[in-house]
Amino acid sequence: MTLVVVVRHGLTASTGKALTGWLPGIPLDDRGRDQAAALGVRLAGVHLDAIITSPLERCQQTAALIAAARSDGAAARPDEAAALHVDERLGECHYGEWTGQPLKRLAADPLWKVVQAHPSAVRFPGKDGESMLEMQQRAVGAIRDWNAELGREACYVVCSHGDVIKAILADSLGMHLDMSQRIQVDPCSVSVIRYTPLRPFVLRMNDTGADVTGVLKRAGKNESAGPGKESESDAQVGGGPGAETA
């Protein structure tokens, strides 16, 4: 079996506010760095054969902090260091003309409802806009390729983005991509997938290692939908900020 520990990057200044996509220069903020460092400590005792990351800065920083916790001499033995690799196929969805736009503005776009209910039919507008199916296919293909390269006894980390991780989890659960919007993936959350020759098994989803207080507070909010405003039934496109800023 191959164990894949799927990690979403930590918080940035724009997480949950704008759809940054592949915009350059979006680093982790102080909260995100703290999240990633804490996650590194949580994972320090786990043998990892590799850490694979999206090329975007926020993921590379998260992956580097996970790797740093393994080589600091306190949390892990020196032989527990894991090679760090960058794979573009695990990068964010190419949102085209939606890139950089505030989420409140995008919620008024007619395409928003399609993203929510029928993401497999969505291609984001603009010459570089990607379909969500294409995004899922490249990301799942990357996982399968790394599984084959690292071997059946491997355990490794993949650091990626909210929508990408939801698509990977949907595939692992045998769900249609249209069901992926029912999955929540918070910043610096951990999901664990065990791949076998016959089928994947999802062992853990959206684990932040925190208590449920923040989740309950967020779930208790009941904001009505309106023009330019997300509905309480909407999935968080791009992944959302999690309980940290709720």
Foldseek 3Di string as FASTA:
>chain_A
DEKEKEWEFFDWPCFQWAAAFQPADTARDPRRLVLLLVLLLVCLVPQAQAEEEEPHHRGVSSSVSNQCSNCVCPSHDNVSHYYYYYDNLQEGAQQAPRHGPTQLQVQQPPCQVCCFQPQQPDFHDHPRTGRLVSSLVSLLVVVVVVCVVVDLVGYHYYYHWASNVLSNVCVQVVHDSSCSLVAAAAHGFIWMWRDDPPGIDTPDGNHSVDDCVLVVVVLPDADDDDRSHDHPSGRRVRRHHPSPVD
